[in-house]
N, C-alpha and C. Protein backbone atom coordinates (compact mmCIF):
# COMPACT_ATOMS: atom_id res chain seq x y z
N MET A 1 -10.76 2.02 -13.33
CA MET A 1 -10.13 2.75 -12.25
C MET A 1 -8.62 2.84 -12.44
N GLY A 2 -7.96 1.73 -12.83
CA GLY A 2 -6.53 1.76 -13.05
C GLY A 2 -5.69 1.88 -11.80
N GLU A 3 -6.20 1.38 -10.64
CA GLU A 3 -5.45 1.46 -9.39
C GLU A 3 -4.92 0.09 -9.00
N LYS A 4 -3.70 0.07 -8.45
CA LYS A 4 -3.09 -1.16 -7.98
C LYS A 4 -2.39 -0.86 -6.66
N TYR A 5 -2.61 -1.72 -5.66
CA TYR A 5 -1.99 -1.52 -4.35
C TYR A 5 -0.99 -2.65 -4.09
N GLU A 6 0.17 -2.31 -3.55
CA GLU A 6 1.18 -3.29 -3.17
C GLU A 6 1.68 -2.94 -1.78
N TYR A 7 1.96 -3.98 -0.99
CA TYR A 7 2.52 -3.79 0.35
C TYR A 7 3.83 -4.55 0.45
N ASN A 8 4.83 -3.93 0.97
CA ASN A 8 6.12 -4.55 1.22
C ASN A 8 6.56 -4.18 2.63
N TYR A 9 7.36 -5.03 3.22
CA TYR A 9 7.81 -4.83 4.59
C TYR A 9 9.33 -4.97 4.66
N ARG A 10 9.93 -4.10 5.47
CA ARG A 10 11.37 -4.15 5.69
C ARG A 10 11.63 -3.99 7.18
N ILE A 11 12.70 -4.63 7.64
CA ILE A 11 13.13 -4.50 9.03
C ILE A 11 14.57 -4.02 9.04
N ARG A 12 14.84 -3.11 9.96
CA ARG A 12 16.21 -2.69 10.25
C ARG A 12 16.25 -2.33 11.73
N GLY A 13 17.44 -2.31 12.29
CA GLY A 13 17.53 -1.99 13.71
C GLY A 13 18.85 -2.37 14.31
N LEU A 14 18.82 -2.68 15.61
CA LEU A 14 20.02 -3.01 16.37
C LEU A 14 19.88 -4.37 17.03
N VAL A 15 20.97 -5.12 17.03
CA VAL A 15 21.04 -6.40 17.72
C VAL A 15 21.87 -6.19 18.99
N TYR A 16 21.45 -6.83 20.06
CA TYR A 16 22.12 -6.71 21.36
C TYR A 16 22.60 -8.09 21.80
N GLY A 17 23.85 -8.16 22.27
CA GLY A 17 24.34 -9.45 22.70
C GLY A 17 25.58 -9.37 23.56
N ASN A 18 26.04 -10.56 23.95
CA ASN A 18 27.24 -10.70 24.76
C ASN A 18 28.45 -10.66 23.83
N LEU A 19 29.37 -9.74 24.11
CA LEU A 19 30.55 -9.57 23.28
C LEU A 19 31.63 -10.57 23.68
N TRP A 20 32.46 -10.95 22.72
CA TRP A 20 33.61 -11.79 23.02
C TRP A 20 34.52 -11.01 23.96
N GLY A 21 34.96 -11.63 25.01
CA GLY A 21 35.86 -10.97 25.95
C GLY A 21 35.12 -10.26 27.08
N GLY A 22 33.80 -10.32 27.07
CA GLY A 22 33.01 -9.74 28.15
C GLY A 22 32.23 -8.51 27.75
N GLY A 23 31.24 -8.23 28.54
CA GLY A 23 30.38 -7.07 28.31
C GLY A 23 29.32 -7.34 27.26
N CYS A 24 28.47 -6.37 27.09
CA CYS A 24 27.38 -6.44 26.11
C CYS A 24 27.46 -5.22 25.20
N GLY A 25 26.89 -5.34 24.04
CA GLY A 25 26.89 -4.22 23.12
C GLY A 25 25.87 -4.40 22.01
N ALA A 26 25.76 -3.38 21.19
CA ALA A 26 24.78 -3.37 20.11
C ALA A 26 25.46 -3.02 18.79
N TYR A 27 25.01 -3.68 17.75
CA TYR A 27 25.48 -3.42 16.39
C TYR A 27 24.27 -3.39 15.46
N PRO A 28 24.42 -2.81 14.30
CA PRO A 28 23.30 -2.83 13.35
C PRO A 28 22.91 -4.26 12.97
N ALA A 29 21.63 -4.47 12.86
CA ALA A 29 21.10 -5.77 12.42
C ALA A 29 21.13 -5.84 10.91
N GLU A 30 21.12 -7.05 10.40
CA GLU A 30 20.94 -7.25 8.96
C GLU A 30 19.63 -6.60 8.55
N LYS A 31 19.60 -5.99 7.41
CA LYS A 31 18.36 -5.44 6.87
C LYS A 31 17.70 -6.55 6.07
N ILE A 32 16.43 -6.81 6.38
CA ILE A 32 15.71 -7.86 5.68
C ILE A 32 14.36 -7.34 5.21
N GLY A 33 13.84 -7.95 4.17
CA GLY A 33 12.56 -7.55 3.61
C GLY A 33 11.74 -8.76 3.19
N CYS A 34 10.45 -8.53 3.04
CA CYS A 34 9.53 -9.61 2.67
C CYS A 34 8.20 -8.99 2.25
N ASP A 35 7.42 -9.76 1.50
CA ASP A 35 6.09 -9.31 1.12
C ASP A 35 5.03 -9.68 2.16
N ASP A 36 5.42 -10.43 3.20
CA ASP A 36 4.49 -10.88 4.23
C ASP A 36 5.05 -10.50 5.60
N LYS A 37 4.31 -9.68 6.34
CA LYS A 37 4.79 -9.15 7.61
C LYS A 37 5.04 -10.27 8.64
N LYS A 38 4.14 -11.23 8.72
CA LYS A 38 4.32 -12.32 9.69
C LYS A 38 5.56 -13.15 9.36
N LYS A 39 5.78 -13.42 8.09
CA LYS A 39 6.97 -14.16 7.67
C LYS A 39 8.23 -13.36 7.96
N LEU A 40 8.17 -12.05 7.77
CA LEU A 40 9.31 -11.18 8.03
C LEU A 40 9.70 -11.25 9.50
N ILE A 41 8.73 -11.14 10.39
CA ILE A 41 9.00 -11.20 11.83
C ILE A 41 9.53 -12.59 12.22
N ALA A 42 8.92 -13.64 11.67
CA ALA A 42 9.39 -15.00 11.95
C ALA A 42 10.82 -15.19 11.48
N ASN A 43 11.16 -14.62 10.32
CA ASN A 43 12.52 -14.71 9.80
C ASN A 43 13.51 -13.97 10.70
N ALA A 44 13.13 -12.80 11.19
CA ALA A 44 13.99 -12.03 12.10
C ALA A 44 14.24 -12.83 13.38
N LYS A 45 13.21 -13.46 13.92
CA LYS A 45 13.35 -14.26 15.14
C LYS A 45 14.25 -15.48 14.88
N LYS A 46 14.10 -16.10 13.74
CA LYS A 46 14.95 -17.24 13.37
C LYS A 46 16.40 -16.80 13.25
N MET A 47 16.62 -15.65 12.60
CA MET A 47 17.97 -15.13 12.43
C MET A 47 18.60 -14.74 13.77
N LEU A 48 17.78 -14.24 14.70
CA LEU A 48 18.30 -13.93 16.03
C LEU A 48 18.75 -15.22 16.70
N LYS A 49 17.93 -16.25 16.59
CA LYS A 49 18.23 -17.53 17.24
C LYS A 49 19.48 -18.19 16.65
N ASP A 50 19.64 -18.14 15.32
CA ASP A 50 20.80 -18.81 14.72
C ASP A 50 22.04 -17.89 14.62
N GLY A 51 21.89 -16.63 15.05
CA GLY A 51 23.04 -15.72 15.10
C GLY A 51 23.29 -14.92 13.83
N SER A 52 22.49 -15.11 12.81
CA SER A 52 22.75 -14.43 11.54
C SER A 52 22.17 -13.02 11.45
N LEU A 53 21.42 -12.59 12.46
CA LEU A 53 20.82 -11.25 12.44
C LEU A 53 21.85 -10.17 12.77
N ASP A 54 23.03 -10.57 13.25
CA ASP A 54 23.99 -9.59 13.77
C ASP A 54 24.83 -8.90 12.71
N SER A 55 24.55 -9.05 11.47
CA SER A 55 25.24 -8.33 10.40
C SER A 55 26.74 -8.64 10.35
N GLY A 56 27.10 -9.82 10.85
CA GLY A 56 28.48 -10.27 10.76
C GLY A 56 29.44 -9.69 11.78
N MET A 57 28.93 -9.02 12.79
CA MET A 57 29.82 -8.39 13.77
C MET A 57 30.40 -9.41 14.74
N GLY A 58 29.73 -10.50 15.00
CA GLY A 58 30.28 -11.57 15.80
C GLY A 58 30.14 -11.39 17.30
N TYR A 59 29.06 -11.83 17.82
CA TYR A 59 28.83 -11.86 19.26
C TYR A 59 29.16 -13.25 19.77
N GLU A 60 29.45 -13.33 21.05
CA GLU A 60 29.55 -14.64 21.68
C GLU A 60 28.16 -15.27 21.69
N SER A 61 27.14 -14.47 22.02
CA SER A 61 25.75 -14.93 21.94
C SER A 61 24.85 -13.70 21.83
N LEU A 62 23.73 -13.87 21.18
CA LEU A 62 22.76 -12.79 21.01
C LEU A 62 21.68 -12.88 22.08
N LYS A 63 21.24 -11.71 22.55
CA LYS A 63 20.19 -11.66 23.56
C LYS A 63 18.87 -11.19 22.97
N GLY A 64 18.93 -10.25 22.04
CA GLY A 64 17.69 -9.71 21.49
C GLY A 64 17.98 -8.63 20.46
N ALA A 65 16.92 -8.00 20.02
CA ALA A 65 17.06 -6.94 19.02
C ALA A 65 15.90 -5.95 19.15
N TYR A 66 16.20 -4.72 18.79
CA TYR A 66 15.19 -3.67 18.69
C TYR A 66 15.10 -3.31 17.22
N LEU A 67 13.97 -3.59 16.63
CA LEU A 67 13.81 -3.45 15.20
C LEU A 67 12.70 -2.46 14.85
N THR A 68 12.82 -1.86 13.71
CA THR A 68 11.78 -1.01 13.16
C THR A 68 11.25 -1.71 11.91
N ILE A 69 9.94 -1.93 11.91
CA ILE A 69 9.29 -2.52 10.74
C ILE A 69 8.75 -1.37 9.90
N GLU A 70 9.17 -1.33 8.66
CA GLU A 70 8.66 -0.33 7.72
C GLU A 70 7.65 -1.01 6.80
N THR A 71 6.45 -0.50 6.79
CA THR A 71 5.41 -0.98 5.89
C THR A 71 5.31 0.02 4.75
N ILE A 72 5.61 -0.45 3.55
CA ILE A 72 5.61 0.41 2.38
C ILE A 72 4.39 0.08 1.54
N THR A 73 3.53 1.04 1.37
CA THR A 73 2.35 0.88 0.53
C THR A 73 2.59 1.63 -0.78
N THR A 74 2.44 0.91 -1.87
CA THR A 74 2.61 1.51 -3.19
C THR A 74 1.27 1.49 -3.90
N ILE A 75 0.85 2.63 -4.35
CA ILE A 75 -0.38 2.75 -5.12
C ILE A 75 0.01 3.20 -6.53
N VAL A 76 -0.46 2.45 -7.51
CA VAL A 76 -0.22 2.83 -8.90
C VAL A 76 -1.55 3.29 -9.47
N LYS A 77 -1.58 4.52 -9.89
CA LYS A 77 -2.79 5.11 -10.47
C LYS A 77 -2.39 5.84 -11.73
N ASP A 78 -3.03 5.47 -12.80
CA ASP A 78 -2.76 6.09 -14.10
C ASP A 78 -1.25 6.08 -14.42
N LYS A 79 -0.63 4.93 -14.18
CA LYS A 79 0.78 4.68 -14.49
C LYS A 79 1.75 5.51 -13.63
N LYS A 80 1.26 6.11 -12.55
CA LYS A 80 2.12 6.85 -11.63
C LYS A 80 2.16 6.10 -10.30
N GLU A 81 3.37 5.99 -9.72
CA GLU A 81 3.55 5.31 -8.43
C GLU A 81 3.57 6.32 -7.29
N PHE A 82 2.83 5.99 -6.25
CA PHE A 82 2.81 6.79 -5.03
C PHE A 82 3.15 5.85 -3.89
N LYS A 83 4.16 6.19 -3.07
CA LYS A 83 4.60 5.34 -1.98
C LYS A 83 4.39 6.04 -0.65
N ASN A 84 4.01 5.24 0.32
CA ASN A 84 3.84 5.72 1.69
C ASN A 84 4.51 4.72 2.62
N SER A 85 5.23 5.21 3.62
CA SER A 85 5.86 4.34 4.61
C SER A 85 5.29 4.63 5.98
N GLU A 86 5.03 3.55 6.71
CA GLU A 86 4.61 3.62 8.11
C GLU A 86 5.59 2.78 8.90
N PHE A 87 5.86 3.19 10.15
CA PHE A 87 6.88 2.52 10.96
C PHE A 87 6.30 2.08 12.29
N GLU A 88 6.76 0.90 12.74
CA GLU A 88 6.41 0.44 14.08
C GLU A 88 7.63 -0.25 14.69
N ASP A 89 7.73 -0.17 16.01
CA ASP A 89 8.86 -0.75 16.71
C ASP A 89 8.54 -2.16 17.18
N LEU A 90 9.59 -2.99 17.27
CA LEU A 90 9.44 -4.37 17.69
C LEU A 90 10.69 -4.80 18.45
N PHE A 91 10.50 -5.37 19.64
CA PHE A 91 11.57 -6.01 20.38
C PHE A 91 11.42 -7.51 20.21
N ILE A 92 12.53 -8.19 19.95
CA ILE A 92 12.51 -9.64 19.92
C ILE A 92 13.62 -10.16 20.82
N GLY A 93 13.49 -11.40 21.29
CA GLY A 93 14.48 -11.98 22.18
C GLY A 93 14.14 -11.73 23.63
N LYS A 94 15.12 -12.00 24.47
CA LYS A 94 14.93 -11.86 25.92
C LYS A 94 15.77 -10.70 26.41
N LEU A 95 15.13 -9.55 26.51
CA LEU A 95 15.80 -8.31 26.92
C LEU A 95 15.17 -7.77 28.19
N THR A 96 16.00 -7.23 29.09
CA THR A 96 15.49 -6.56 30.28
C THR A 96 14.99 -5.17 29.89
N LYS A 97 14.31 -4.52 30.81
CA LYS A 97 13.83 -3.16 30.54
C LYS A 97 15.01 -2.22 30.29
N SER A 98 16.09 -2.33 31.07
CA SER A 98 17.24 -1.44 30.87
C SER A 98 17.92 -1.71 29.53
N GLU A 99 17.95 -2.97 29.07
CA GLU A 99 18.51 -3.29 27.76
C GLU A 99 17.64 -2.71 26.64
N LYS A 100 16.32 -2.80 26.82
CA LYS A 100 15.40 -2.21 25.84
C LYS A 100 15.58 -0.70 25.77
N ASP A 101 15.72 -0.07 26.92
CA ASP A 101 15.93 1.39 26.95
C ASP A 101 17.24 1.76 26.27
N PHE A 102 18.29 0.98 26.53
CA PHE A 102 19.59 1.21 25.90
C PHE A 102 19.47 1.13 24.37
N LEU A 103 18.79 0.10 23.88
CA LEU A 103 18.63 -0.07 22.44
C LEU A 103 17.75 1.01 21.83
N LYS A 104 16.67 1.36 22.53
CA LYS A 104 15.77 2.39 22.01
C LYS A 104 16.49 3.72 21.88
N ASN A 105 17.30 4.05 22.86
CA ASN A 105 18.09 5.28 22.80
C ASN A 105 19.12 5.20 21.68
N GLY A 106 19.75 4.04 21.53
CA GLY A 106 20.75 3.87 20.48
C GLY A 106 20.16 3.96 19.09
N LEU A 107 18.99 3.37 18.89
CA LEU A 107 18.36 3.41 17.57
C LEU A 107 17.94 4.83 17.21
N SER A 108 17.54 5.61 18.20
CA SER A 108 17.14 6.98 17.91
C SER A 108 18.33 7.82 17.44
N GLN A 109 19.56 7.36 17.73
CA GLN A 109 20.76 8.08 17.33
C GLN A 109 21.29 7.64 15.97
N CYS A 110 20.75 6.55 15.43
CA CYS A 110 21.27 5.97 14.19
C CYS A 110 20.64 6.57 12.95
N GLU A 111 21.42 6.54 11.89
CA GLU A 111 20.91 6.88 10.57
C GLU A 111 21.09 5.64 9.69
N PHE A 112 20.04 5.26 9.02
CA PHE A 112 20.12 4.05 8.18
C PHE A 112 20.15 4.44 6.72
């Protein structure tokens, strides 16, 4: 048959938190990847908790994030690679409905 399937996962999105000096805001999250979706999500949650998911922008504290998980399927057939991406949304942290709406609207405006 000569077919080989590979799956990879990537996360990108926005982090939401309390800004130094007051107020709240959103910045791009660190882009992270992994070969295991559960490990990827666990890593994103860990990074949110320890503050490293914020891409170095520097919040006083992080509240949550709105992330897009990209599942990349690679099929190799007869030495040719074919890739397909599927996307799903994920909220992590403790966000209110209005904060989720703010992030969802913001992410729809972003280009990665």
